Amino acid sequence: MKIHLVMTALLVTALSAGCQKEEAQPIAEPQVAAFGDGWLMFSLRPADGASSETVKRYQAAYVADGKTARFDIELTMARPSGKIPVAFTKGKFIAVPNSDASGFLAALQKTLEAKATPSNPIRVAELPFSAVILGEHVSHSPNGGFAVKPPGNWTTTKLFLGDGSSEVFLNLNPVLGKGEFSIKDPEYGDGVLQELAKVL
C-alpha cells in the first residue's frame, strides 16, 4: 500500500513538472543600460485604441532635467523576408502638445555625434519617414547591437528622414516599455537631429 502511495505521489509530481514545462515562459532579456556607446533609450507604450494589426502606434517620452519630451511613433508593420530578411515600410513621428525636448535633443546630440543641437526649428505636426525593418523578436546586447539568439522582443528598424539623406536606427520593445535611437553613422548626426527637432 505504501509503495502504491509513493508511486502515485511520484507520478503526480512528474505530471505537475511536465505541465509547468509546457507553460509559456517569459523571455529573459539581457539587462541593458538606458544609454551607451551609440544608443539612447526612451520610454514607450502602445497608444490606446490607435493601433491595428498592420499599423502600430506608440507613445514615447524622455525625461531630462525635469523636462519631458513627448512624441508618438506610428509604424506600418511588414514581415522581413528574402535571403537577407528585411522589409521596406513607412511611418511617422507625431508631435504631442506641451513637449519640452531640449534635454532629449542634448542627449541625442551626444549619441548621434552631431555637432550642435538645432536652434528654433520649424515645428511640424507630423514627420513622415521611410524605413527598413531589419529584425523582429531579437535581443539587445548589453554592449550594443542585436542578436537572433537569445530571442527577445525588440524590433529593429533603420529610418530615412527628410529627403532620405539622413539615416538613424529606431528600435522598439513595447514588452519592456522601451524604445531607442541608435547611431547609423556620425555623418548623419546633424541631419537626423535637425529633422527630429521639428517634431519632438
N, C-alpha and C. Protein backbone atom coordinates (compact mmCIF):
# COMPACT_ATOMS: atom_id res chain seq x y z
N MET A 1 0.83 -1.20 0.00
CA MET A 1 0.00 0.00 0.00
C MET A 1 0.86 1.25 0.00
N LYS A 2 1.90 1.18 0.87
CA LYS A 2 2.80 2.34 0.95
C LYS A 2 3.51 2.57 -0.38
N ILE A 3 3.91 1.45 -1.02
CA ILE A 3 4.59 1.55 -2.32
C ILE A 3 3.66 2.18 -3.35
N HIS A 4 2.38 1.78 -3.32
CA HIS A 4 1.39 2.35 -4.26
C HIS A 4 1.25 3.85 -4.05
N LEU A 5 1.19 4.29 -2.78
CA LEU A 5 1.07 5.72 -2.49
C LEU A 5 2.30 6.49 -2.94
N VAL A 6 3.46 5.88 -2.71
CA VAL A 6 4.70 6.53 -3.13
C VAL A 6 4.73 6.68 -4.64
N MET A 7 4.36 5.63 -5.38
CA MET A 7 4.36 5.68 -6.85
C MET A 7 3.36 6.71 -7.36
N THR A 8 2.19 6.78 -6.71
CA THR A 8 1.19 7.77 -7.11
C THR A 8 1.71 9.19 -6.90
N ALA A 9 2.35 9.41 -5.75
CA ALA A 9 2.91 10.74 -5.45
C ALA A 9 3.97 11.13 -6.46
N LEU A 10 4.82 10.15 -6.83
CA LEU A 10 5.88 10.42 -7.82
C LEU A 10 5.27 10.75 -9.19
N LEU A 11 4.20 10.03 -9.55
CA LEU A 11 3.54 10.25 -10.84
C LEU A 11 2.92 11.64 -10.89
N VAL A 12 2.23 12.04 -9.80
CA VAL A 12 1.62 13.37 -9.74
C VAL A 12 2.69 14.44 -9.83
N THR A 13 3.81 14.24 -9.12
CA THR A 13 4.92 15.21 -9.16
C THR A 13 5.47 15.34 -10.57
N ALA A 14 5.65 14.20 -11.23
CA ALA A 14 6.19 14.21 -12.59
C ALA A 14 5.24 14.91 -13.55
N LEU A 15 3.93 14.63 -13.42
CA LEU A 15 2.95 15.27 -14.29
C LEU A 15 2.91 16.77 -14.04
N SER A 16 3.00 17.17 -12.78
CA SER A 16 2.99 18.60 -12.44
C SER A 16 4.19 19.29 -13.04
N ALA A 17 5.36 18.63 -12.94
CA ALA A 17 6.57 19.22 -13.50
C ALA A 17 6.45 19.34 -15.01
N GLY A 18 5.84 18.30 -15.65
CA GLY A 18 5.67 18.35 -17.09
C GLY A 18 4.76 19.48 -17.51
N CYS A 19 3.67 19.70 -16.75
CA CYS A 19 2.75 20.78 -17.07
C CYS A 19 3.44 22.13 -16.93
N GLN A 20 4.27 22.25 -15.91
CA GLN A 20 4.97 23.53 -15.71
C GLN A 20 5.91 23.82 -16.86
N LYS A 21 6.55 22.77 -17.39
CA LYS A 21 7.48 22.98 -18.50
C LYS A 21 6.74 23.41 -19.76
N GLU A 22 5.47 22.95 -19.91
CA GLU A 22 4.72 23.27 -21.11
C GLU A 22 4.19 24.70 -21.09
N GLU A 23 4.12 25.33 -19.90
CA GLU A 23 3.63 26.69 -19.82
C GLU A 23 4.60 27.64 -20.50
N ALA A 24 4.05 28.63 -21.18
CA ALA A 24 4.89 29.61 -21.87
C ALA A 24 5.67 30.43 -20.84
N GLN A 25 6.95 30.47 -21.01
CA GLN A 25 7.81 31.21 -20.09
C GLN A 25 8.17 32.57 -20.70
N PRO A 26 8.19 33.63 -19.92
CA PRO A 26 8.57 34.93 -20.46
C PRO A 26 10.02 34.93 -20.92
N ILE A 27 10.29 35.72 -21.94
CA ILE A 27 11.65 35.81 -22.45
C ILE A 27 12.50 36.61 -21.47
N ALA A 28 13.59 36.01 -21.03
CA ALA A 28 14.51 36.71 -20.12
C ALA A 28 15.54 37.45 -20.96
N GLU A 29 15.32 38.75 -21.15
CA GLU A 29 16.22 39.53 -22.00
C GLU A 29 17.39 40.09 -21.19
N PRO A 30 18.53 40.28 -21.82
CA PRO A 30 19.68 40.84 -21.12
C PRO A 30 19.38 42.24 -20.57
N GLN A 31 19.96 42.56 -19.43
CA GLN A 31 19.82 43.89 -18.86
C GLN A 31 20.71 44.85 -19.65
N VAL A 32 20.13 45.92 -20.15
CA VAL A 32 20.87 46.88 -20.98
C VAL A 32 20.70 48.28 -20.41
N ALA A 33 21.78 49.02 -20.34
CA ALA A 33 21.74 50.39 -19.83
C ALA A 33 20.88 51.27 -20.72
N ALA A 34 20.32 52.34 -20.14
CA ALA A 34 19.44 53.23 -20.89
C ALA A 34 20.19 54.03 -21.95
N PHE A 35 21.49 54.14 -21.81
CA PHE A 35 22.29 54.78 -22.86
C PHE A 35 23.65 54.12 -22.88
N GLY A 36 24.26 54.16 -24.05
CA GLY A 36 25.57 53.53 -24.19
C GLY A 36 26.31 54.12 -25.36
N ASP A 37 27.26 53.40 -25.86
CA ASP A 37 28.09 53.87 -26.97
C ASP A 37 27.29 53.79 -28.26
N GLY A 38 26.52 54.86 -28.54
CA GLY A 38 25.78 54.91 -29.79
C GLY A 38 24.29 54.66 -29.68
N TRP A 39 23.74 54.52 -28.45
CA TRP A 39 22.30 54.36 -28.34
C TRP A 39 21.77 55.15 -27.15
N LEU A 40 20.49 55.55 -27.27
CA LEU A 40 19.81 56.29 -26.21
C LEU A 40 18.37 55.81 -26.14
N MET A 41 17.96 55.30 -24.96
CA MET A 41 16.62 54.76 -24.80
C MET A 41 15.64 55.80 -24.27
N PHE A 42 14.36 55.55 -24.55
CA PHE A 42 13.27 56.36 -24.04
C PHE A 42 12.13 55.40 -23.67
N SER A 43 11.17 55.89 -22.89
CA SER A 43 10.05 55.04 -22.50
C SER A 43 9.05 54.94 -23.64
N LEU A 44 8.36 53.82 -23.69
CA LEU A 44 7.47 53.51 -24.81
C LEU A 44 6.27 52.72 -24.31
N ARG A 45 5.09 53.06 -24.83
CA ARG A 45 3.91 52.26 -24.53
C ARG A 45 2.94 52.35 -25.70
N PRO A 46 2.15 51.29 -25.91
CA PRO A 46 1.17 51.33 -27.01
C PRO A 46 0.15 52.45 -26.79
N ALA A 47 -0.21 53.14 -27.86
CA ALA A 47 -1.24 54.18 -27.79
C ALA A 47 -2.61 53.51 -27.78
N ASP A 48 -3.39 53.74 -26.75
CA ASP A 48 -4.68 53.08 -26.60
C ASP A 48 -5.60 53.33 -27.79
N GLY A 49 -6.08 52.25 -28.38
CA GLY A 49 -7.07 52.34 -29.45
C GLY A 49 -6.58 52.93 -30.75
N ALA A 50 -5.26 53.11 -30.89
CA ALA A 50 -4.75 53.76 -32.10
C ALA A 50 -3.98 52.81 -33.01
N SER A 51 -3.90 51.53 -32.64
CA SER A 51 -3.14 50.57 -33.42
C SER A 51 -4.05 49.54 -34.07
N SER A 52 -3.51 48.90 -35.09
CA SER A 52 -4.19 47.79 -35.75
C SER A 52 -3.16 46.68 -35.95
N GLU A 53 -3.53 45.62 -36.65
CA GLU A 53 -2.58 44.54 -36.88
C GLU A 53 -1.42 45.00 -37.75
N THR A 54 -1.68 45.92 -38.65
CA THR A 54 -0.64 46.34 -39.59
C THR A 54 0.02 47.66 -39.23
N VAL A 55 -0.67 48.52 -38.50
CA VAL A 55 -0.11 49.82 -38.13
C VAL A 55 -0.06 49.92 -36.61
N LYS A 56 1.15 50.07 -36.08
CA LYS A 56 1.33 50.18 -34.64
C LYS A 56 1.64 51.62 -34.28
N ARG A 57 0.97 52.10 -33.23
CA ARG A 57 1.23 53.46 -32.75
C ARG A 57 1.64 53.40 -31.29
N TYR A 58 2.69 54.14 -30.96
CA TYR A 58 3.23 54.14 -29.61
C TYR A 58 3.35 55.57 -29.09
N GLN A 59 3.25 55.70 -27.79
CA GLN A 59 3.51 56.96 -27.10
C GLN A 59 4.89 56.87 -26.48
N ALA A 60 5.73 57.86 -26.76
CA ALA A 60 7.10 57.84 -26.28
C ALA A 60 7.37 59.06 -25.41
N ALA A 61 8.29 58.90 -24.47
CA ALA A 61 8.64 60.01 -23.58
C ALA A 61 10.07 59.86 -23.09
N TYR A 62 10.68 60.99 -22.79
CA TYR A 62 12.05 61.01 -22.26
C TYR A 62 12.15 62.17 -21.28
N VAL A 63 12.59 61.90 -20.07
CA VAL A 63 12.70 62.92 -19.03
C VAL A 63 14.16 63.26 -18.78
N ALA A 64 14.49 64.55 -18.81
CA ALA A 64 15.84 65.01 -18.52
C ALA A 64 15.76 66.39 -17.87
N ASP A 65 16.43 66.55 -16.73
CA ASP A 65 16.47 67.84 -16.02
C ASP A 65 15.07 68.39 -15.74
N GLY A 66 14.15 67.49 -15.42
CA GLY A 66 12.79 67.91 -15.10
C GLY A 66 11.95 68.28 -16.30
N LYS A 67 12.47 68.08 -17.49
CA LYS A 67 11.75 68.40 -18.72
C LYS A 67 11.41 67.10 -19.45
N THR A 68 10.18 67.02 -19.97
CA THR A 68 9.72 65.79 -20.60
C THR A 68 9.46 65.99 -22.08
N ALA A 69 10.18 65.23 -22.88
CA ALA A 69 9.90 65.19 -24.33
C ALA A 69 8.83 64.14 -24.56
N ARG A 70 7.80 64.49 -25.30
CA ARG A 70 6.72 63.55 -25.62
C ARG A 70 6.50 63.54 -27.13
N PHE A 71 6.33 62.37 -27.68
CA PHE A 71 6.05 62.24 -29.10
C PHE A 71 5.45 60.86 -29.35
N ASP A 72 4.71 60.74 -30.44
CA ASP A 72 4.14 59.46 -30.84
C ASP A 72 4.91 58.91 -32.04
N ILE A 73 4.91 57.60 -32.13
CA ILE A 73 5.55 56.92 -33.26
C ILE A 73 4.51 56.02 -33.92
N GLU A 74 4.39 56.12 -35.22
CA GLU A 74 3.49 55.23 -35.96
C GLU A 74 4.31 54.48 -36.99
N LEU A 75 4.18 53.16 -36.99
CA LEU A 75 4.98 52.33 -37.89
C LEU A 75 4.09 51.28 -38.55
N THR A 76 4.14 51.22 -39.87
CA THR A 76 3.43 50.19 -40.62
C THR A 76 4.28 48.92 -40.60
N MET A 77 3.71 47.86 -40.06
CA MET A 77 4.47 46.63 -39.89
C MET A 77 4.50 45.83 -41.20
N ALA A 78 5.61 45.15 -41.40
CA ALA A 78 5.77 44.26 -42.55
C ALA A 78 6.78 43.19 -42.14
N ARG A 79 6.54 41.96 -42.54
CA ARG A 79 7.40 40.87 -42.12
C ARG A 79 8.65 40.80 -43.00
N PRO A 80 9.84 40.83 -42.39
CA PRO A 80 11.07 40.70 -43.18
C PRO A 80 11.11 39.38 -43.94
N SER A 81 11.64 39.42 -45.15
CA SER A 81 11.77 38.21 -45.96
C SER A 81 12.95 38.37 -46.90
N GLY A 82 13.29 37.29 -47.61
CA GLY A 82 14.40 37.33 -48.55
C GLY A 82 15.64 36.65 -48.00
N LYS A 83 16.66 36.57 -48.83
CA LYS A 83 17.92 35.92 -48.43
C LYS A 83 18.53 36.64 -47.24
N ILE A 84 18.56 37.97 -47.31
CA ILE A 84 18.89 38.79 -46.14
C ILE A 84 17.57 39.42 -45.73
N PRO A 85 16.88 38.85 -44.73
CA PRO A 85 15.49 39.25 -44.45
C PRO A 85 15.33 40.69 -43.98
N VAL A 86 14.69 41.49 -44.82
CA VAL A 86 14.33 42.87 -44.48
C VAL A 86 12.94 43.14 -45.05
N ALA A 87 12.33 44.21 -44.59
CA ALA A 87 11.03 44.62 -45.12
C ALA A 87 10.99 46.13 -45.23
N PHE A 88 10.66 46.64 -46.40
CA PHE A 88 10.57 48.08 -46.60
C PHE A 88 9.18 48.56 -46.19
N THR A 89 9.14 49.66 -45.46
CA THR A 89 7.87 50.15 -44.95
C THR A 89 7.93 51.65 -44.74
N LYS A 90 7.00 52.18 -43.95
CA LYS A 90 6.95 53.61 -43.71
C LYS A 90 6.38 53.88 -42.32
N GLY A 91 6.46 55.12 -41.91
CA GLY A 91 5.90 55.50 -40.62
C GLY A 91 5.98 57.00 -40.45
N LYS A 92 5.76 57.45 -39.23
CA LYS A 92 5.85 58.88 -38.96
C LYS A 92 5.98 59.14 -37.47
N PHE A 93 6.62 60.25 -37.15
CA PHE A 93 6.64 60.78 -35.79
C PHE A 93 5.52 61.82 -35.71
N ILE A 94 4.84 61.84 -34.58
CA ILE A 94 3.71 62.74 -34.41
C ILE A 94 3.96 63.63 -33.20
N ALA A 95 3.84 64.95 -33.38
CA ALA A 95 4.10 65.90 -32.30
C ALA A 95 3.01 65.79 -31.24
N VAL A 96 3.41 66.01 -29.98
CA VAL A 96 2.49 65.98 -28.85
C VAL A 96 2.56 67.34 -28.15
N PRO A 97 1.41 67.94 -27.80
CA PRO A 97 1.43 69.25 -27.13
C PRO A 97 2.20 69.22 -25.81
N ASN A 98 2.77 70.37 -25.46
CA ASN A 98 3.48 70.56 -24.19
C ASN A 98 4.71 69.68 -24.04
N SER A 99 5.31 69.32 -25.15
CA SER A 99 6.56 68.57 -25.09
C SER A 99 7.73 69.54 -24.98
N ASP A 100 8.67 69.23 -24.09
CA ASP A 100 9.90 70.01 -23.98
C ASP A 100 11.06 69.06 -24.24
N ALA A 101 11.57 69.10 -25.45
CA ALA A 101 12.58 68.14 -25.88
C ALA A 101 14.01 68.66 -25.76
N SER A 102 14.21 69.76 -25.08
CA SER A 102 15.56 70.34 -25.01
C SER A 102 16.57 69.37 -24.40
N GLY A 103 16.18 68.70 -23.31
CA GLY A 103 17.09 67.74 -22.70
C GLY A 103 17.30 66.52 -23.56
N PHE A 104 16.25 66.07 -24.21
CA PHE A 104 16.34 64.90 -25.09
C PHE A 104 17.23 65.18 -26.28
N LEU A 105 17.08 66.36 -26.87
CA LEU A 105 17.90 66.71 -28.03
C LEU A 105 19.37 66.84 -27.64
N ALA A 106 19.64 67.37 -26.45
CA ALA A 106 21.02 67.48 -25.99
C ALA A 106 21.64 66.09 -25.81
N ALA A 107 20.86 65.16 -25.27
CA ALA A 107 21.35 63.79 -25.11
C ALA A 107 21.52 63.11 -26.46
N LEU A 108 20.59 63.35 -27.37
CA LEU A 108 20.69 62.77 -28.72
C LEU A 108 21.89 63.31 -29.48
N GLN A 109 22.22 64.57 -29.23
CA GLN A 109 23.39 65.15 -29.90
C GLN A 109 24.63 64.33 -29.60
N LYS A 110 24.81 63.95 -28.35
CA LYS A 110 25.97 63.14 -27.97
C LYS A 110 25.88 61.74 -28.57
N THR A 111 24.69 61.14 -28.52
CA THR A 111 24.51 59.79 -29.03
C THR A 111 24.77 59.70 -30.52
N LEU A 112 24.26 60.68 -31.27
CA LEU A 112 24.38 60.66 -32.73
C LEU A 112 25.64 61.35 -33.23
N GLU A 113 26.43 61.90 -32.28
CA GLU A 113 27.67 62.60 -32.60
C GLU A 113 27.42 63.78 -33.54
N ALA A 114 26.32 64.48 -33.29
CA ALA A 114 26.02 65.69 -34.05
C ALA A 114 26.86 66.84 -33.51
N LYS A 115 27.10 67.83 -34.34
CA LYS A 115 27.95 68.94 -33.92
C LYS A 115 27.24 69.91 -32.99
N ALA A 116 25.92 70.07 -33.17
CA ALA A 116 25.18 71.02 -32.33
C ALA A 116 23.70 70.68 -32.36
N THR A 117 22.98 71.13 -31.33
CA THR A 117 21.52 70.95 -31.34
C THR A 117 20.90 72.09 -32.16
N PRO A 118 19.88 71.81 -32.93
CA PRO A 118 19.23 72.85 -33.75
C PRO A 118 18.60 73.93 -32.86
N SER A 119 18.68 75.15 -33.29
CA SER A 119 18.04 76.25 -32.56
C SER A 119 16.83 76.75 -33.35
N ASN A 120 15.71 76.96 -32.65
CA ASN A 120 14.47 77.45 -33.25
C ASN A 120 14.04 76.66 -34.49
N PRO A 121 13.91 75.34 -34.37
CA PRO A 121 13.47 74.56 -35.53
C PRO A 121 12.03 74.87 -35.91
N ILE A 122 11.72 74.72 -37.18
CA ILE A 122 10.34 74.90 -37.65
C ILE A 122 9.54 73.68 -37.23
N ARG A 123 8.49 73.90 -36.44
CA ARG A 123 7.70 72.79 -35.91
C ARG A 123 6.71 72.26 -36.95
N VAL A 124 6.53 70.95 -36.95
CA VAL A 124 5.55 70.32 -37.82
C VAL A 124 4.70 69.38 -36.97
N ALA A 125 3.49 69.09 -37.42
CA ALA A 125 2.60 68.20 -36.69
C ALA A 125 3.01 66.73 -36.86
N GLU A 126 3.54 66.41 -38.04
CA GLU A 126 3.96 65.05 -38.33
C GLU A 126 5.24 65.05 -39.14
N LEU A 127 6.08 64.07 -38.89
CA LEU A 127 7.33 63.92 -39.63
C LEU A 127 7.36 62.52 -40.23
N PRO A 128 7.00 62.39 -41.51
CA PRO A 128 6.98 61.05 -42.12
C PRO A 128 8.39 60.54 -42.40
N PHE A 129 8.51 59.23 -42.46
CA PHE A 129 9.80 58.63 -42.80
C PHE A 129 9.56 57.33 -43.56
N SER A 130 10.53 56.95 -44.34
CA SER A 130 10.55 55.60 -44.91
C SER A 130 11.49 54.77 -44.04
N ALA A 131 11.29 53.47 -44.05
CA ALA A 131 12.04 52.63 -43.12
C ALA A 131 12.28 51.24 -43.68
N VAL A 132 13.24 50.57 -43.07
CA VAL A 132 13.51 49.16 -43.35
C VAL A 132 13.45 48.43 -42.02
N ILE A 133 12.58 47.42 -41.92
CA ILE A 133 12.54 46.58 -40.73
C ILE A 133 13.64 45.53 -40.88
N LEU A 134 14.59 45.56 -39.97
CA LEU A 134 15.77 44.70 -40.08
C LEU A 134 15.62 43.41 -39.30
N GLY A 135 14.83 43.44 -38.23
CA GLY A 135 14.69 42.22 -37.43
C GLY A 135 13.50 42.30 -36.49
N GLU A 136 12.97 41.14 -36.15
CA GLU A 136 11.87 41.04 -35.19
C GLU A 136 12.22 39.96 -34.16
N HIS A 137 11.73 40.15 -32.94
CA HIS A 137 11.96 39.17 -31.87
C HIS A 137 13.45 38.94 -31.63
N VAL A 138 14.21 40.02 -31.66
CA VAL A 138 15.65 39.94 -31.41
C VAL A 138 15.96 40.51 -30.03
N SER A 139 17.14 40.19 -29.53
CA SER A 139 17.55 40.66 -28.21
C SER A 139 18.64 41.71 -28.33
N HIS A 140 18.71 42.57 -27.33
CA HIS A 140 19.67 43.67 -27.29
C HIS A 140 20.89 43.25 -26.49
N SER A 141 22.05 43.34 -27.10
CA SER A 141 23.28 43.04 -26.38
C SER A 141 23.57 44.14 -25.38
N PRO A 142 24.07 43.83 -24.18
CA PRO A 142 24.43 44.86 -23.20
C PRO A 142 25.47 45.85 -23.73
N ASN A 143 26.25 45.42 -24.72
CA ASN A 143 27.27 46.30 -25.29
C ASN A 143 26.85 46.94 -26.61
N GLY A 144 25.56 46.82 -26.94
CA GLY A 144 25.06 47.37 -28.19
C GLY A 144 24.87 46.27 -29.22
N GLY A 145 24.10 46.56 -30.25
CA GLY A 145 23.83 45.57 -31.28
C GLY A 145 22.71 44.63 -30.87
N PHE A 146 22.27 43.81 -31.83
CA PHE A 146 21.14 42.91 -31.62
C PHE A 146 21.47 41.53 -32.16
N ALA A 147 20.79 40.53 -31.60
CA ALA A 147 21.05 39.15 -32.00
C ALA A 147 19.75 38.37 -32.04
N VAL A 148 19.70 37.37 -32.92
CA VAL A 148 18.55 36.48 -33.02
C VAL A 148 18.53 35.52 -31.83
N LYS A 149 19.69 35.10 -31.36
CA LYS A 149 19.81 34.22 -30.20
C LYS A 149 20.65 34.90 -29.14
N PRO A 150 20.16 34.98 -27.91
CA PRO A 150 18.84 34.53 -27.48
C PRO A 150 17.75 35.44 -28.07
N PRO A 151 16.52 34.95 -28.22
CA PRO A 151 15.46 35.79 -28.77
C PRO A 151 15.06 36.88 -27.77
N GLY A 152 14.41 37.90 -28.28
CA GLY A 152 13.92 38.98 -27.43
C GLY A 152 12.66 39.56 -28.02
N ASN A 153 12.27 40.72 -27.53
CA ASN A 153 11.05 41.38 -28.00
C ASN A 153 11.32 42.67 -28.76
N TRP A 154 12.56 42.87 -29.19
CA TRP A 154 12.91 44.07 -29.93
C TRP A 154 12.57 43.92 -31.42
N THR A 155 12.11 45.02 -32.01
CA THR A 155 12.00 45.16 -33.47
C THR A 155 12.98 46.24 -33.87
N THR A 156 13.88 45.92 -34.79
CA THR A 156 14.91 46.87 -35.19
C THR A 156 14.60 47.43 -36.57
N THR A 157 14.74 48.74 -36.71
CA THR A 157 14.47 49.40 -37.99
C THR A 157 15.54 50.44 -38.29
N LYS A 158 15.69 50.73 -39.56
CA LYS A 158 16.52 51.86 -40.00
C LYS A 158 15.61 52.86 -40.69
N LEU A 159 15.69 54.11 -40.25
CA LEU A 159 14.84 55.16 -40.80
C LEU A 159 15.61 56.03 -41.77
N PHE A 160 14.87 56.54 -42.77
CA PHE A 160 15.39 57.51 -43.72
C PHE A 160 14.55 58.77 -43.56
N LEU A 161 15.17 59.82 -43.05
CA LEU A 161 14.43 61.05 -42.75
C LEU A 161 14.66 62.12 -43.81
N GLY A 162 13.74 63.09 -43.84
CA GLY A 162 13.87 64.19 -44.79
C GLY A 162 13.80 63.67 -46.21
N ASP A 163 14.79 64.01 -47.01
CA ASP A 163 14.83 63.55 -48.40
C ASP A 163 15.51 62.20 -48.52
N GLY A 164 15.73 61.55 -47.39
CA GLY A 164 16.38 60.24 -47.40
C GLY A 164 17.85 60.29 -47.14
N SER A 165 18.39 61.50 -46.98
CA SER A 165 19.83 61.64 -46.80
C SER A 165 20.27 61.50 -45.34
N SER A 166 19.30 61.40 -44.43
CA SER A 166 19.61 61.28 -43.00
C SER A 166 19.11 59.93 -42.50
N GLU A 167 20.00 59.13 -41.95
CA GLU A 167 19.65 57.78 -41.52
C GLU A 167 19.92 57.59 -40.03
N VAL A 168 19.04 56.83 -39.39
CA VAL A 168 19.20 56.53 -37.97
C VAL A 168 18.45 55.23 -37.68
N PHE A 169 18.93 54.49 -36.69
CA PHE A 169 18.23 53.29 -36.28
C PHE A 169 17.20 53.64 -35.21
N LEU A 170 16.01 53.06 -35.33
CA LEU A 170 14.96 53.18 -34.33
C LEU A 170 14.57 51.76 -33.94
N ASN A 171 14.73 51.44 -32.66
CA ASN A 171 14.46 50.09 -32.17
C ASN A 171 13.40 50.15 -31.09
N LEU A 172 12.43 49.23 -31.15
CA LEU A 172 11.25 49.31 -30.29
C LEU A 172 11.02 47.99 -29.55
N ASN A 173 10.70 48.11 -28.25
CA ASN A 173 10.38 46.94 -27.44
C ASN A 173 9.22 47.28 -26.53
N PRO A 174 7.98 47.17 -27.03
CA PRO A 174 6.82 47.52 -26.21
C PRO A 174 6.62 46.61 -25.01
N VAL A 175 7.17 45.40 -25.06
CA VAL A 175 7.05 44.48 -23.92
C VAL A 175 7.82 45.03 -22.72
N LEU A 176 9.04 45.51 -22.97
CA LEU A 176 9.84 46.12 -21.90
C LEU A 176 9.47 47.58 -21.68
N GLY A 177 8.67 48.15 -22.61
CA GLY A 177 8.32 49.57 -22.49
C GLY A 177 9.48 50.48 -22.83
N LYS A 178 10.30 50.05 -23.81
CA LYS A 178 11.49 50.83 -24.17
C LYS A 178 11.59 50.99 -25.69
N GLY A 179 12.11 52.13 -26.10
CA GLY A 179 12.49 52.37 -27.48
C GLY A 179 13.87 53.00 -27.45
N GLU A 180 14.52 53.08 -28.60
CA GLU A 180 15.82 53.74 -28.62
C GLU A 180 16.15 54.26 -30.00
N PHE A 181 16.91 55.34 -30.01
CA PHE A 181 17.57 55.81 -31.22
C PHE A 181 19.02 55.33 -31.14
N SER A 182 19.52 54.86 -32.26
CA SER A 182 20.89 54.35 -32.31
C SER A 182 21.59 54.92 -33.54
N ILE A 183 22.84 55.27 -33.38
CA ILE A 183 23.58 55.94 -34.45
C ILE A 183 23.81 55.00 -35.64
N LYS A 184 23.61 55.52 -36.83
CA LYS A 184 23.96 54.79 -38.06
C LYS A 184 25.37 55.15 -38.47
N ASP A 185 25.65 56.45 -38.52
CA ASP A 185 26.97 56.94 -38.88
C ASP A 185 27.06 58.40 -38.43
N PRO A 186 28.22 58.83 -37.89
CA PRO A 186 28.34 60.22 -37.42
C PRO A 186 28.01 61.27 -38.48
N GLU A 187 28.21 60.94 -39.75
CA GLU A 187 27.95 61.93 -40.81
C GLU A 187 26.47 62.27 -40.93
N TYR A 188 25.60 61.40 -40.38
CA TYR A 188 24.16 61.67 -40.43
C TYR A 188 23.66 62.42 -39.20
N GLY A 189 24.50 62.61 -38.20
CA GLY A 189 24.07 63.14 -36.92
C GLY A 189 23.33 64.47 -37.00
N ASP A 190 23.91 65.44 -37.67
CA ASP A 190 23.29 66.77 -37.74
C ASP A 190 21.97 66.73 -38.49
N GLY A 191 21.92 66.00 -39.60
CA GLY A 191 20.70 65.92 -40.38
C GLY A 191 19.57 65.24 -39.62
N VAL A 192 19.89 64.15 -38.92
CA VAL A 192 18.88 63.44 -38.13
C VAL A 192 18.35 64.35 -37.03
N LEU A 193 19.25 65.02 -36.33
CA LEU A 193 18.84 65.88 -35.22
C LEU A 193 17.97 67.04 -35.71
N GLN A 194 18.31 67.62 -36.86
CA GLN A 194 17.53 68.73 -37.41
C GLN A 194 16.12 68.26 -37.76
N GLU A 195 16.00 67.06 -38.28
CA GLU A 195 14.68 66.53 -38.62
C GLU A 195 13.86 66.23 -37.37
N LEU A 196 14.46 65.54 -36.41
CA LEU A 196 13.75 65.15 -35.20
C LEU A 196 13.32 66.37 -34.37
N ALA A 197 14.13 67.43 -34.41
CA ALA A 197 13.81 68.63 -33.63
C ALA A 197 12.50 69.28 -34.09
N LYS A 198 12.06 68.96 -35.30
CA LYS A 198 10.83 69.52 -35.82
C LYS A 198 9.58 68.98 -35.13
N VAL A 199 9.72 67.78 -34.54
CA VAL A 199 8.52 67.09 -34.06
C VAL A 199 8.59 66.63 -32.60
N LEU A 200 9.80 66.54 -32.05
CA LEU A 200 9.94 66.07 -30.67
C LEU A 200 9.45 67.12 -29.67
